[in-house]
Amino acid sequence: MNRKLMAASLALSVGAAGVACNDLLVEDPRGFTTTDTFYPTGADLNSATIAIYNSLRGLQGTGAWSNLELASDQARAETREPNAGTRGPDYLDWDASTGPAGGYWGIMYPLITRANLVLARGPEIDANAQAKAYNLGEAQFLRGYAYFYLARAYDDVPLLLTPEEQASLSPTRTPVEQVLQQAIKDLTEAEAALPATWPSSDAYGVPTQGRATKGAAQMALAELYLWRSSFMKKDEWRLASDAAKRVIDSGVWRLNDDYFGTFRPANRGNREMIFVITNTGKDARTSSALQLLYYPRDWGIDQWGGWGLIHPTNWHLDSFQPGDYRKDAGFLGGGCSGGGQCITAFADGPMPRKYIVKSDNGATWGLGDFDVPLYRYAEALLFYAEAQNELGNSAEAVRYLNMVRARARKGTGAESRAAPADYAGPTDRLSLREAIYMERNWELQFEAKRWWDLVRRDGLERGYWARTLRANDGANAERLRPLSEHKKRFPIPTAQIVANPALTQNPGY
């Protein structure tokens, strides 16, 4: 691809992340098509690789993020939200024609298209050998991550691995097992090819913040094997354990003493953040509006619609142990905005403050400058604890669970708190499983993880998904009615089926 074409491609892919929330979900129904493109130099290949990452920016868009948040039992929608579609996921109210449920398709297939081009054209380029190997490893990682995400959301999806296959206007759905085996292959080869850490800039002088490492590939493999072991009942706990342990044993990653400091722009690049979506806050193309989902409407920007959308459920707030810093400093019940507007108590209850980092009363909040976490070291510890518990090694599982709990006791790192204490409950498999899932609920709150946990645990304990939603977030009308099992999988977007009748729909839709 020549530099002019690459610049255009980069602008389009980054620009998609900065538009309004509904626009993020608009996609070209002929999204599998591409052009025969080549990269004549190593610098062009490097630019093409960086462009793949820009497709991930869609995950921090309103629909893609809030769909997972609101559908879980951890979060509920602002009661004053006027847009039924925006608050719809809180009631599991989606179908094949609504944007939020199909948005992951429109995010991941453009990513796959770009990755396929790099993987097809990259090997033939005469370029710096190490830089080229890293570029190909990045493309494999991102393609493997995308196919895992798609399979987790939709089950069977078209498996397209070359530009020629990508050009097909009528691909059919590939069995989910084949899709996931390809994801495993991509992630495994990426782990071997990627660096443990990047220098501050690559061989072409481009900053490397946010680019995939061995740790990112290991985290994706651990999560994939946990998904297969739980939701799909494949009993690959040992593989999940080994992948997570490689992250832990690498010595590259660690917990920050200050939990909330992990997410602050001043600590960008900290060793807890294994894989992130980077945001500079400089302009709309390099920023995130994600923090606006958690910005209190009472401070005066509710007229925008969708902002201030996400509140904790009562169940989530009540679930913490007394003294847990992740709760004590994690929510804002009232106070003054940067513009001096003071509210004693927010009308619709507390707001999460994990990503509230600007204090200008919303004036530039669309230019979020914090990195959005996709994988953190704390999750590696919990991945390992979960797998060890399922393997029958409860003492090892408790040891790593307690590492996360110990950090939660530290607060800012300068204090010593009494809670949460080390785990002292029953160590049978089911009890310890519950403790680990609850620790994930607290530790990874508002990182769009809880929905996947509810769905995958249902594979181990049939009915857990519906039973838990009903018990913990039953105030929502949809959840007071029988919960249909088909909602655990998202629908194939109607626009895709209209454009390609060879695609079939998921059952129930």
Protein backbone atom coordinates (compact mmCIF):
# COMPACT_ATOMS: atom_id res chain seq x y z
CA MET A 1 0.00 0.00 0.00
CA ASN A 2 1.48 3.38 -0.92
CA ARG A 3 1.79 6.07 1.73
CA LYS A 4 -1.12 8.11 0.42
CA LEU A 5 -3.46 5.13 0.50
CA MET A 6 -2.20 4.16 3.93
CA ALA A 7 -2.81 7.65 5.25
CA ALA A 8 -6.37 7.53 3.94
CA SER A 9 -6.93 4.12 5.46
CA LEU A 10 -5.55 5.26 8.79
CA ALA A 11 -7.76 8.36 8.80
CA LEU A 12 -10.87 6.34 8.07
CA SER A 13 -10.18 3.72 10.71
CA VAL A 14 -9.28 6.20 13.42
CA GLY A 15 -12.05 8.60 12.49
CA ALA A 16 -14.65 5.92 13.04
CA ALA A 17 -13.79 5.93 16.73
CA GLY A 18 -14.47 9.62 17.13
CA VAL A 19 -17.96 9.90 15.66
CA ALA A 20 -21.29 9.75 17.47
CA CYS A 21 -22.19 6.54 19.25
CA ASN A 22 -24.71 5.37 16.65
CA ASP A 23 -22.30 6.06 13.81
CA LEU A 24 -19.81 3.67 15.37
CA LEU A 25 -22.15 0.84 14.53
CA VAL A 26 -22.77 1.77 10.91
CA GLU A 27 -20.93 -0.61 8.65
CA ASP A 28 -20.62 -1.39 4.97
CA PRO A 29 -22.73 -4.51 4.33
CA ARG A 30 -20.09 -5.50 1.77
CA GLY A 31 -17.57 -5.41 4.60
CA PHE A 32 -15.80 -8.58 3.47
CA THR A 33 -14.53 -6.98 0.26
CA THR A 34 -11.06 -5.55 -0.11
CA THR A 35 -8.62 -4.55 -2.82
CA ASP A 36 -5.39 -6.15 -3.91
CA THR A 37 -2.84 -4.00 -2.12
CA PHE A 38 0.87 -4.23 -1.43
CA TYR A 39 3.41 -2.50 0.79
CA PRO A 40 6.68 -1.74 -1.03
CA THR A 41 8.77 -0.81 2.02
CA GLY A 42 9.19 -1.86 5.61
CA ALA A 43 7.92 1.55 6.76
CA ASP A 44 4.72 1.00 4.75
CA LEU A 45 4.29 -2.44 6.30
CA ASN A 46 4.77 -0.91 9.74
CA SER A 47 2.13 1.74 8.99
CA ALA A 48 -0.25 -0.92 7.74
CA THR A 49 0.25 -2.89 10.95
CA ILE A 50 -0.43 0.15 13.12
CA ALA A 51 -3.64 0.73 11.14
CA ILE A 52 -4.94 -2.66 12.30
CA TYR A 53 -5.04 -1.41 15.89
CA ASN A 54 -7.32 1.45 14.95
CA SER A 55 -10.19 -0.95 14.34
CA LEU A 56 -10.06 -1.83 18.05
CA ARG A 57 -11.06 1.73 18.89
CA GLY A 58 -14.64 0.78 18.17
CA LEU A 59 -14.69 -1.35 21.33
CA GLN A 60 -14.60 1.82 23.44
CA GLY A 61 -17.55 3.28 21.54
CA THR A 62 -20.79 3.79 23.42
CA GLY A 63 -22.74 0.86 22.01
CA ALA A 64 -20.02 -1.77 22.01
CA TRP A 65 -18.96 -0.96 25.58
CA SER A 66 -22.28 -0.08 27.24
CA ASN A 67 -24.02 -3.13 25.76
CA LEU A 68 -21.76 -5.43 27.80
CA GLU A 69 -21.91 -3.21 30.88
CA LEU A 70 -25.68 -2.79 31.02
CA ALA A 71 -26.56 -6.37 30.11
CA SER A 72 -24.64 -7.64 33.14
CA ASP A 73 -25.78 -7.53 36.76
CA GLN A 74 -23.02 -5.07 37.65
CA ALA A 75 -24.47 -1.98 35.99
CA ARG A 76 -27.84 -0.42 35.26
CA ALA A 77 -28.92 2.43 33.02
CA GLU A 78 -29.58 5.99 34.15
CA THR A 79 -33.34 6.16 34.74
CA ARG A 80 -33.51 9.55 32.97
CA GLU A 81 -31.99 8.19 29.76
CA PRO A 82 -34.55 9.12 27.08
CA ASN A 83 -33.22 6.90 24.30
CA ALA A 84 -34.82 3.46 24.45
CA GLY A 85 -32.12 1.97 22.26
CA THR A 86 -29.33 3.29 24.45
CA ARG A 87 -30.85 1.88 27.64
CA GLY A 88 -32.19 -1.23 25.87
CA PRO A 89 -29.32 -3.58 26.80
CA ASP A 90 -30.21 -3.02 30.46
CA TYR A 91 -33.38 -4.99 29.70
CA LEU A 92 -31.65 -7.44 27.36
CA ASP A 93 -33.73 -5.68 24.75
CA TRP A 94 -31.99 -6.24 21.44
CA ASP A 95 -32.58 -8.10 18.23
CA ALA A 96 -30.82 -8.61 14.90
CA SER A 97 -31.74 -5.13 13.65
CA THR A 98 -30.52 -3.12 16.64
CA GLY A 99 -27.00 -1.74 16.53
CA PRO A 100 -25.45 -2.62 19.90
CA ALA A 101 -25.72 -6.39 19.54
CA GLY A 102 -24.20 -6.42 16.07
CA GLY A 103 -21.51 -3.84 16.62
CA TYR A 104 -18.75 -6.33 17.32
CA TRP A 105 -19.15 -7.68 13.78
CA GLY A 106 -18.57 -4.22 12.35
CA ILE A 107 -15.52 -3.69 14.55
CA MET A 108 -13.74 -7.00 14.13
CA TYR A 109 -14.10 -7.76 10.43
CA PRO A 110 -12.41 -4.52 9.30
CA LEU A 111 -9.63 -5.45 11.72
CA ILE A 112 -9.38 -8.90 10.16
CA THR A 113 -9.29 -7.38 6.67
CA ARG A 114 -6.31 -5.22 7.59
CA ALA A 115 -4.56 -8.07 9.38
CA ASN A 116 -5.01 -10.40 6.40
CA LEU A 117 -3.42 -7.84 4.09
CA VAL A 118 -0.38 -7.50 6.35
CA LEU A 119 -0.02 -11.27 6.69
CA ALA A 120 -0.39 -11.82 2.94
CA ARG A 121 1.88 -9.05 1.69
CA GLY A 122 4.34 -8.66 4.56
CA PRO A 123 6.51 -11.76 4.08
CA GLU A 124 7.60 -10.73 0.58
CA ILE A 125 8.85 -7.28 1.60
CA ASP A 126 12.57 -6.60 1.85
CA ALA A 127 12.68 -4.91 5.26
CA ASN A 128 14.36 -4.98 8.65
CA ALA A 129 13.99 -8.65 9.59
CA GLN A 130 13.21 -8.10 13.27
CA ALA A 131 10.75 -5.29 12.60
CA LYS A 132 8.98 -7.37 9.95
CA ALA A 133 8.73 -10.35 12.30
CA TYR A 134 7.17 -8.12 14.94
CA ASN A 135 4.70 -6.67 12.41
CA LEU A 136 3.59 -10.13 11.33
CA GLY A 137 3.31 -11.20 14.97
CA GLU A 138 1.14 -8.17 15.73
CA ALA A 139 -1.13 -8.96 12.78
CA GLN A 140 -1.50 -12.57 13.94
CA PHE A 141 -2.26 -11.51 17.49
CA LEU A 142 -4.90 -9.01 16.41
CA ARG A 143 -6.54 -11.45 13.99
CA GLY A 144 -6.57 -14.19 16.64
CA TYR A 145 -8.02 -11.80 19.21
CA ALA A 146 -10.69 -10.68 16.73
CA TYR A 147 -11.78 -14.22 15.87
CA PHE A 148 -11.94 -15.15 19.56
CA TYR A 149 -14.09 -12.09 20.20
CA LEU A 150 -16.40 -12.89 17.29
CA ALA A 151 -16.78 -16.56 18.27
CA ARG A 152 -17.49 -15.57 21.86
CA ALA A 153 -20.21 -13.18 20.70
CA TYR A 154 -21.80 -15.09 17.81
CA ASP A 155 -20.52 -18.71 17.81
CA ASP A 156 -20.08 -19.70 14.13
CA VAL A 157 -18.72 -16.86 12.00
CA PRO A 158 -17.07 -16.71 8.55
CA LEU A 159 -13.39 -17.63 8.80
CA LEU A 160 -11.52 -15.55 6.23
CA LEU A 161 -7.74 -15.79 6.23
CA THR A 162 -6.57 -14.23 2.97
CA PRO A 163 -7.41 -11.16 0.90
CA GLU A 164 -8.87 -13.51 -1.71
CA GLU A 165 -11.24 -15.09 0.81
CA GLN A 166 -11.98 -11.62 2.14
CA ALA A 167 -13.13 -10.57 -1.32
CA SER A 168 -15.97 -13.09 -1.30
CA LEU A 169 -19.42 -11.50 -1.27
CA SER A 170 -21.11 -14.60 0.11
CA PRO A 171 -19.04 -16.27 2.82
CA THR A 172 -20.78 -18.82 4.99
CA ARG A 173 -20.47 -19.35 8.73
CA THR A 174 -17.58 -21.58 9.82
CA PRO A 175 -18.12 -23.93 12.78
CA VAL A 176 -17.04 -22.23 16.00
CA GLU A 177 -14.51 -24.96 16.83
CA GLN A 178 -12.65 -24.33 13.59
CA VAL A 179 -12.71 -20.57 14.20
CA LEU A 180 -11.30 -20.97 17.70
CA GLN A 181 -8.60 -23.40 16.57
CA GLN A 182 -7.46 -20.76 14.09
CA ALA A 183 -7.48 -18.16 16.88
CA ILE A 184 -5.34 -20.48 19.01
CA LYS A 185 -2.91 -20.94 16.12
CA ASP A 186 -2.67 -17.20 15.52
CA LEU A 187 -2.21 -16.35 19.18
CA THR A 188 0.34 -19.12 19.75
CA GLU A 189 2.46 -18.04 16.79
CA ALA A 190 2.09 -14.41 17.84
CA GLU A 191 3.36 -15.25 21.33
CA ALA A 192 6.51 -16.72 19.80
CA ALA A 193 7.06 -13.77 17.47
CA LEU A 194 6.27 -10.75 19.66
CA PRO A 195 8.71 -9.00 21.98
CA ALA A 196 8.36 -9.27 25.76
CA THR A 197 8.50 -5.47 25.83
CA TRP A 198 8.86 -2.76 23.22
CA PRO A 199 11.40 0.03 23.20
CA SER A 200 9.88 3.52 23.34
CA SER A 201 9.85 3.63 19.53
CA ASP A 202 10.13 1.01 16.82
CA ALA A 203 12.70 0.59 14.07
CA TYR A 204 10.98 3.34 12.07
CA GLY A 205 10.82 5.84 14.92
CA VAL A 206 7.11 5.31 15.63
CA PRO A 207 6.05 5.35 19.33
CA THR A 208 5.15 1.85 20.50
CA GLN A 209 2.77 2.58 23.39
CA GLY A 210 -0.13 0.12 23.32
CA ARG A 211 1.35 -2.36 20.85
CA ALA A 212 0.93 -6.08 21.51
CA THR A 213 3.56 -8.05 23.41
CA LYS A 214 4.06 -11.69 24.35
CA GLY A 215 2.06 -10.92 27.47
CA ALA A 216 -0.94 -9.79 25.43
CA ALA A 217 -0.91 -13.01 23.40
CA GLN A 218 -0.57 -15.08 26.58
CA MET A 219 -3.51 -13.27 28.17
CA ALA A 220 -5.69 -13.86 25.12
CA LEU A 221 -4.76 -17.55 25.10
CA ALA A 222 -5.53 -17.87 28.82
CA GLU A 223 -8.92 -16.23 28.37
CA LEU A 224 -9.70 -18.30 25.28
CA TYR A 225 -8.90 -21.56 27.08
CA LEU A 226 -10.99 -20.48 30.07
CA TRP A 227 -13.88 -19.76 27.71
CA ARG A 228 -13.49 -23.14 26.06
CA SER A 229 -13.21 -24.91 29.42
CA SER A 230 -16.23 -23.23 30.98
CA PHE A 231 -18.76 -22.20 28.33
CA MET A 232 -17.80 -24.97 25.88
CA LYS A 233 -16.88 -27.61 28.52
CA LYS A 234 -13.63 -28.54 26.78
CA ASP A 235 -11.65 -29.14 29.99
CA GLU A 236 -8.60 -27.13 28.92
CA TRP A 237 -7.91 -25.72 32.36
CA ARG A 238 -4.26 -26.78 32.25
CA LEU A 239 -3.71 -24.84 29.03
CA ALA A 240 -5.40 -21.79 30.58
CA SER A 241 -3.29 -22.13 33.72
CA ASP A 242 -0.05 -22.46 31.76
CA ALA A 243 -0.77 -19.41 29.60
CA ALA A 244 -1.59 -17.24 32.61
CA LYS A 245 1.47 -18.50 34.47
CA ARG A 246 3.72 -17.51 31.58
CA VAL A 247 2.51 -13.94 32.09
CA ILE A 248 3.17 -14.14 35.83
CA ASP A 249 6.58 -15.80 35.50
CA SER A 250 7.82 -13.41 32.82
CA GLY A 251 8.71 -10.80 35.44
CA VAL A 252 7.57 -8.07 33.06
CA TRP A 253 4.22 -7.29 34.66
CA ARG A 254 3.18 -6.36 38.19
CA LEU A 255 0.41 -4.84 40.29
CA ASN A 256 0.48 -1.14 41.06
CA ASP A 257 0.17 -0.28 44.73
CA ASP A 258 -2.53 2.28 43.91
CA TYR A 259 -5.46 0.53 42.23
CA PHE A 260 -7.01 3.69 40.77
CA GLY A 261 -3.64 5.08 39.78
CA THR A 262 -3.42 2.22 37.30
CA PHE A 263 -5.91 4.01 35.06
CA ARG A 264 -4.62 7.57 35.30
CA PRO A 265 -2.98 9.20 32.26
CA ALA A 266 -0.03 10.26 34.40
CA ASN A 267 0.78 6.55 34.82
CA ARG A 268 0.45 5.64 31.16
CA GLY A 269 2.59 2.63 30.28
CA ASN A 270 2.55 1.21 33.81
CA ARG A 271 3.38 -2.48 34.13
CA GLU A 272 -0.08 -3.54 35.19
CA MET A 273 -1.57 -2.62 31.82
CA ILE A 274 -0.75 -5.54 29.54
CA PHE A 275 -2.92 -4.58 26.57
CA VAL A 276 -4.87 -1.35 26.14
CA ILE A 277 -6.55 0.93 23.64
CA THR A 278 -4.35 4.02 23.75
CA ASN A 279 -5.77 7.55 23.89
CA THR A 280 -3.79 10.78 23.84
CA GLY A 281 -6.65 13.26 24.25
CA LYS A 282 -5.14 15.47 21.55
CA ASP A 283 -7.99 15.23 19.06
CA ALA A 284 -11.10 13.18 18.28
CA ARG A 285 -9.12 10.59 16.34
CA THR A 286 -6.84 9.74 19.24
CA SER A 287 -9.28 10.06 22.14
CA SER A 288 -12.07 8.24 23.90
CA ALA A 289 -15.46 9.48 25.05
CA LEU A 290 -15.78 6.42 27.28
CA GLN A 291 -15.53 8.46 30.48
CA LEU A 292 -18.72 10.30 29.52
CA LEU A 293 -20.67 7.10 30.16
CA TYR A 294 -19.79 7.59 33.83
CA TYR A 295 -20.07 11.39 34.04
CA PRO A 296 -22.87 12.54 36.44
CA ARG A 297 -25.78 14.01 34.51
CA ASP A 298 -26.53 16.35 37.38
CA TRP A 299 -23.43 18.30 36.40
CA GLY A 300 -25.17 19.52 33.30
CA ILE A 301 -24.43 17.53 30.17
CA ASP A 302 -27.40 15.17 30.23
CA GLN A 303 -28.83 16.93 27.18
CA TRP A 304 -26.29 15.09 25.03
CA GLY A 305 -28.04 11.76 25.61
CA GLY A 306 -26.17 8.56 26.52
CA TRP A 307 -23.72 10.33 28.81
CA GLY A 308 -23.93 9.57 32.51
CA LEU A 309 -25.57 6.35 31.39
CA ILE A 310 -23.96 3.71 33.62
CA HIS A 311 -24.66 3.33 37.33
CA PRO A 312 -23.75 0.44 39.63
CA THR A 313 -26.61 -1.85 40.55
CA ASN A 314 -27.57 -2.00 44.21
CA TRP A 315 -26.37 -5.59 44.23
CA HIS A 316 -22.91 -4.60 43.03
CA LEU A 317 -22.56 -1.81 45.58
CA ASP A 318 -23.72 -4.06 48.42
CA SER A 319 -21.48 -6.96 47.42
CA PHE A 320 -18.19 -5.39 48.55
CA GLN A 321 -16.64 -6.25 51.88
CA PRO A 322 -16.59 -3.28 54.28
CA GLY A 323 -13.49 -1.17 53.82
CA ASP A 324 -12.69 -2.26 50.27
CA TYR A 325 -10.89 0.68 48.71
CA ARG A 326 -12.29 -0.26 45.29
CA LYS A 327 -15.70 0.72 46.66
CA ASP A 328 -14.72 3.44 49.13
CA ALA A 329 -12.92 5.49 46.48
CA GLY A 330 -14.63 3.96 43.48
CA PHE A 331 -17.95 5.80 43.45
CA LEU A 332 -19.10 9.39 43.55
CA GLY A 333 -22.44 10.10 45.25
CA GLY A 334 -22.31 13.88 44.97
CA GLY A 335 -19.89 16.77 44.87
CA CYS A 336 -18.73 19.63 42.72
CA SER A 337 -17.82 19.57 39.06
CA GLY A 338 -14.78 21.30 37.64
CA GLY A 339 -17.08 24.12 36.59
CA GLY A 340 -18.21 24.69 40.16
CA GLN A 341 -21.62 23.06 39.95
CA CYS A 342 -22.19 21.34 43.30
CA ILE A 343 -24.71 18.57 43.95
CA THR A 344 -25.21 17.14 47.43
CA ALA A 345 -26.49 13.80 46.12
CA PHE A 346 -26.91 12.77 42.52
CA ALA A 347 -30.55 12.21 41.69
CA ASP A 348 -30.07 8.76 40.20
CA GLY A 349 -27.53 7.45 42.68
CA PRO A 350 -23.75 7.01 42.73
CA MET A 351 -21.59 7.02 39.63
CA PRO A 352 -18.42 4.99 39.02
CA ARG A 353 -15.33 7.19 39.09
CA LYS A 354 -12.78 4.76 37.69
CA TYR A 355 -12.34 6.78 34.52
CA ILE A 356 -13.29 10.25 35.76
CA VAL A 357 -10.04 12.08 35.22
CA LYS A 358 -10.99 15.48 33.79
CA SER A 359 -12.43 18.34 35.81
CA ASP A 360 -13.69 20.80 33.22
CA ASN A 361 -17.43 20.13 33.60
CA GLY A 362 -17.55 18.15 30.40
CA ALA A 363 -16.11 20.82 28.11
CA THR A 364 -13.46 18.51 26.66
CA TRP A 365 -14.58 15.19 28.06
CA GLY A 366 -14.96 13.80 24.59
CA LEU A 367 -11.16 13.99 24.41
CA GLY A 368 -10.47 11.31 26.99
CA ASP A 369 -6.74 10.80 27.44
CA PHE A 370 -6.66 7.60 29.50
CA ASP A 371 -5.85 4.18 28.08
CA VAL A 372 -8.81 1.77 28.06
CA PRO A 373 -7.77 -1.58 29.59
CA LEU A 374 -8.33 -4.81 27.72
CA TYR A 375 -5.95 -6.99 29.77
CA ARG A 376 -4.33 -6.21 33.14
CA TYR A 377 -1.90 -8.14 35.32
CA ALA A 378 -4.53 -8.46 38.08
CA GLU A 379 -6.60 -10.48 35.63
CA ALA A 380 -3.63 -12.76 34.91
CA LEU A 381 -3.55 -13.59 38.63
CA LEU A 382 -7.28 -14.31 38.62
CA PHE A 383 -7.07 -16.34 35.40
CA TYR A 384 -4.43 -18.50 37.06
CA ALA A 385 -6.37 -18.79 40.33
CA GLU A 386 -9.50 -19.87 38.47
CA ALA A 387 -7.73 -22.50 36.41
CA GLN A 388 -5.89 -23.87 39.42
CA ASN A 389 -9.13 -24.18 41.36
CA GLU A 390 -10.78 -26.11 38.54
CA LEU A 391 -7.71 -28.38 38.43
CA GLY A 392 -8.22 -29.18 42.10
CA ASN A 393 -5.31 -27.11 43.44
CA SER A 394 -7.26 -24.97 45.90
CA ALA A 395 -4.26 -23.86 47.98
CA GLU A 396 -2.52 -22.48 44.88
CA ALA A 397 -5.73 -20.81 43.76
CA VAL A 398 -6.19 -19.11 47.14
CA ARG A 399 -2.59 -17.91 47.11
CA TYR A 400 -3.07 -16.00 43.86
CA LEU A 401 -6.55 -14.81 44.75
CA ASN A 402 -5.05 -13.27 47.88
CA MET A 403 -2.49 -11.33 45.85
CA VAL A 404 -5.34 -9.34 44.32
CA ARG A 405 -7.09 -8.94 47.67
CA ALA A 406 -3.88 -7.71 49.28
CA ARG A 407 -3.56 -4.90 46.74
CA ALA A 408 -7.16 -3.91 47.45
CA ARG A 409 -6.19 -3.52 51.11
CA LYS A 410 -3.42 -1.07 50.27
CA GLY A 411 -5.71 1.66 49.01
CA THR A 412 -3.39 4.35 47.72
CA GLY A 413 -0.32 2.36 48.67
CA ALA A 414 0.37 4.56 51.70
CA GLU A 415 -2.26 3.03 53.96
CA SER A 416 -2.94 -0.30 55.59
CA ARG A 417 -6.57 -1.28 55.48
CA ALA A 418 -8.40 -3.99 57.36
CA ALA A 419 -10.41 -5.31 54.43
CA PRO A 420 -10.74 -7.24 52.26
CA ALA A 421 -8.96 -9.84 54.33
CA ASP A 422 -7.26 -12.84 52.83
CA TYR A 423 -9.77 -15.42 51.70
CA ALA A 424 -10.71 -17.68 54.60
CA GLY A 425 -13.85 -19.33 53.27
CA PRO A 426 -14.51 -22.89 52.14
CA THR A 427 -12.06 -24.28 49.61
CA ASP A 428 -14.27 -26.79 47.82
CA ARG A 429 -14.32 -26.14 44.08
CA LEU A 430 -17.73 -24.45 43.88
CA SER A 431 -17.17 -22.15 46.89
CA LEU A 432 -13.77 -21.06 45.68
CA ARG A 433 -15.11 -20.59 42.15
CA GLU A 434 -17.68 -18.20 43.57
CA ALA A 435 -14.98 -16.30 45.47
CA ILE A 436 -12.85 -15.92 42.34
CA TYR A 437 -15.77 -14.76 40.21
CA MET A 438 -16.71 -12.23 42.89
CA GLU A 439 -13.14 -10.98 43.03
CA ARG A 440 -13.31 -10.53 39.26
CA ASN A 441 -16.55 -8.59 39.75
CA TRP A 442 -14.85 -6.15 42.16
CA GLU A 443 -11.39 -5.97 40.64
CA LEU A 444 -12.48 -5.67 36.99
CA GLN A 445 -15.58 -3.55 37.61
CA PHE A 446 -16.56 -1.37 34.64
CA GLU A 447 -14.03 -2.98 32.31
CA ALA A 448 -16.81 -4.72 30.31
CA LYS A 449 -15.89 -8.17 31.69
CA ARG A 450 -18.83 -9.20 33.84
CA TRP A 451 -21.22 -10.12 31.00
CA TRP A 452 -18.78 -12.66 29.58
CA ASP A 453 -18.30 -14.13 33.06
CA LEU A 454 -22.04 -14.63 33.53
CA VAL A 455 -22.35 -16.33 30.15
CA ARG A 456 -19.36 -18.61 30.44
CA ARG A 457 -20.13 -19.74 33.99
CA ASP A 458 -23.50 -20.89 32.73
CA GLY A 459 -21.59 -23.62 30.88
CA LEU A 460 -20.40 -25.01 34.22
CA GLU A 461 -23.62 -24.43 36.15
CA ARG A 462 -26.61 -24.66 33.88
CA GLY A 463 -29.05 -21.84 34.57
CA TYR A 464 -26.49 -19.65 36.35
CA TRP A 465 -26.78 -16.84 33.80
CA ALA A 466 -30.55 -16.36 34.11
CA ARG A 467 -30.67 -17.12 37.81
CA THR A 468 -27.96 -14.59 38.62
CA LEU A 469 -29.40 -11.81 36.47
CA ARG A 470 -32.81 -12.33 38.01
CA ALA A 471 -31.45 -12.31 41.56
CA ASN A 472 -29.00 -9.43 41.23
CA ASP A 473 -30.68 -7.10 38.75
CA GLY A 474 -34.28 -8.24 38.79
CA ALA A 475 -35.77 -4.76 39.01
CA ASN A 476 -35.65 -4.53 35.23
CA ALA A 477 -38.91 -5.61 33.63
CA GLU A 478 -37.33 -7.87 31.02
CA ARG A 479 -35.54 -9.83 33.71
CA LEU A 480 -38.68 -10.37 35.74
CA ARG A 481 -39.99 -12.41 32.83
CA PRO A 482 -38.48 -15.74 31.78
CA LEU A 483 -35.01 -15.15 30.38
CA SER A 484 -34.56 -16.68 26.97
CA GLU A 485 -31.37 -18.72 26.61
CA HIS A 486 -30.79 -17.41 23.10
CA LYS A 487 -29.85 -13.99 24.49
CA LYS A 488 -26.54 -15.46 25.69
CA ARG A 489 -25.42 -15.25 22.06
CA PHE A 490 -25.70 -12.09 20.01
CA PRO A 491 -27.57 -12.06 16.68
CA ILE A 492 -25.89 -11.89 13.31
CA PRO A 493 -26.65 -8.31 12.13
CA THR A 494 -29.64 -8.12 9.79
CA ALA A 495 -27.70 -5.89 7.38
CA GLN A 496 -25.16 -8.66 6.89
CA ILE A 497 -27.80 -11.29 6.16
CA VAL A 498 -29.61 -8.98 3.74
CA ALA A 499 -26.36 -8.37 1.87
CA ASN A 500 -25.36 -12.04 2.06
CA PRO A 501 -28.23 -14.55 2.26
CA ALA A 502 -25.64 -17.32 2.64
CA LEU A 503 -25.35 -16.28 6.30
CA THR A 504 -27.77 -17.90 8.70
CA GLN A 505 -29.16 -16.39 11.89
CA ASN A 506 -28.55 -17.58 15.43
CA PRO A 507 -31.45 -19.52 16.98
CA GLY A 508 -34.06 -17.36 18.69
CA TYR A 509 -33.55 -14.33 16.48
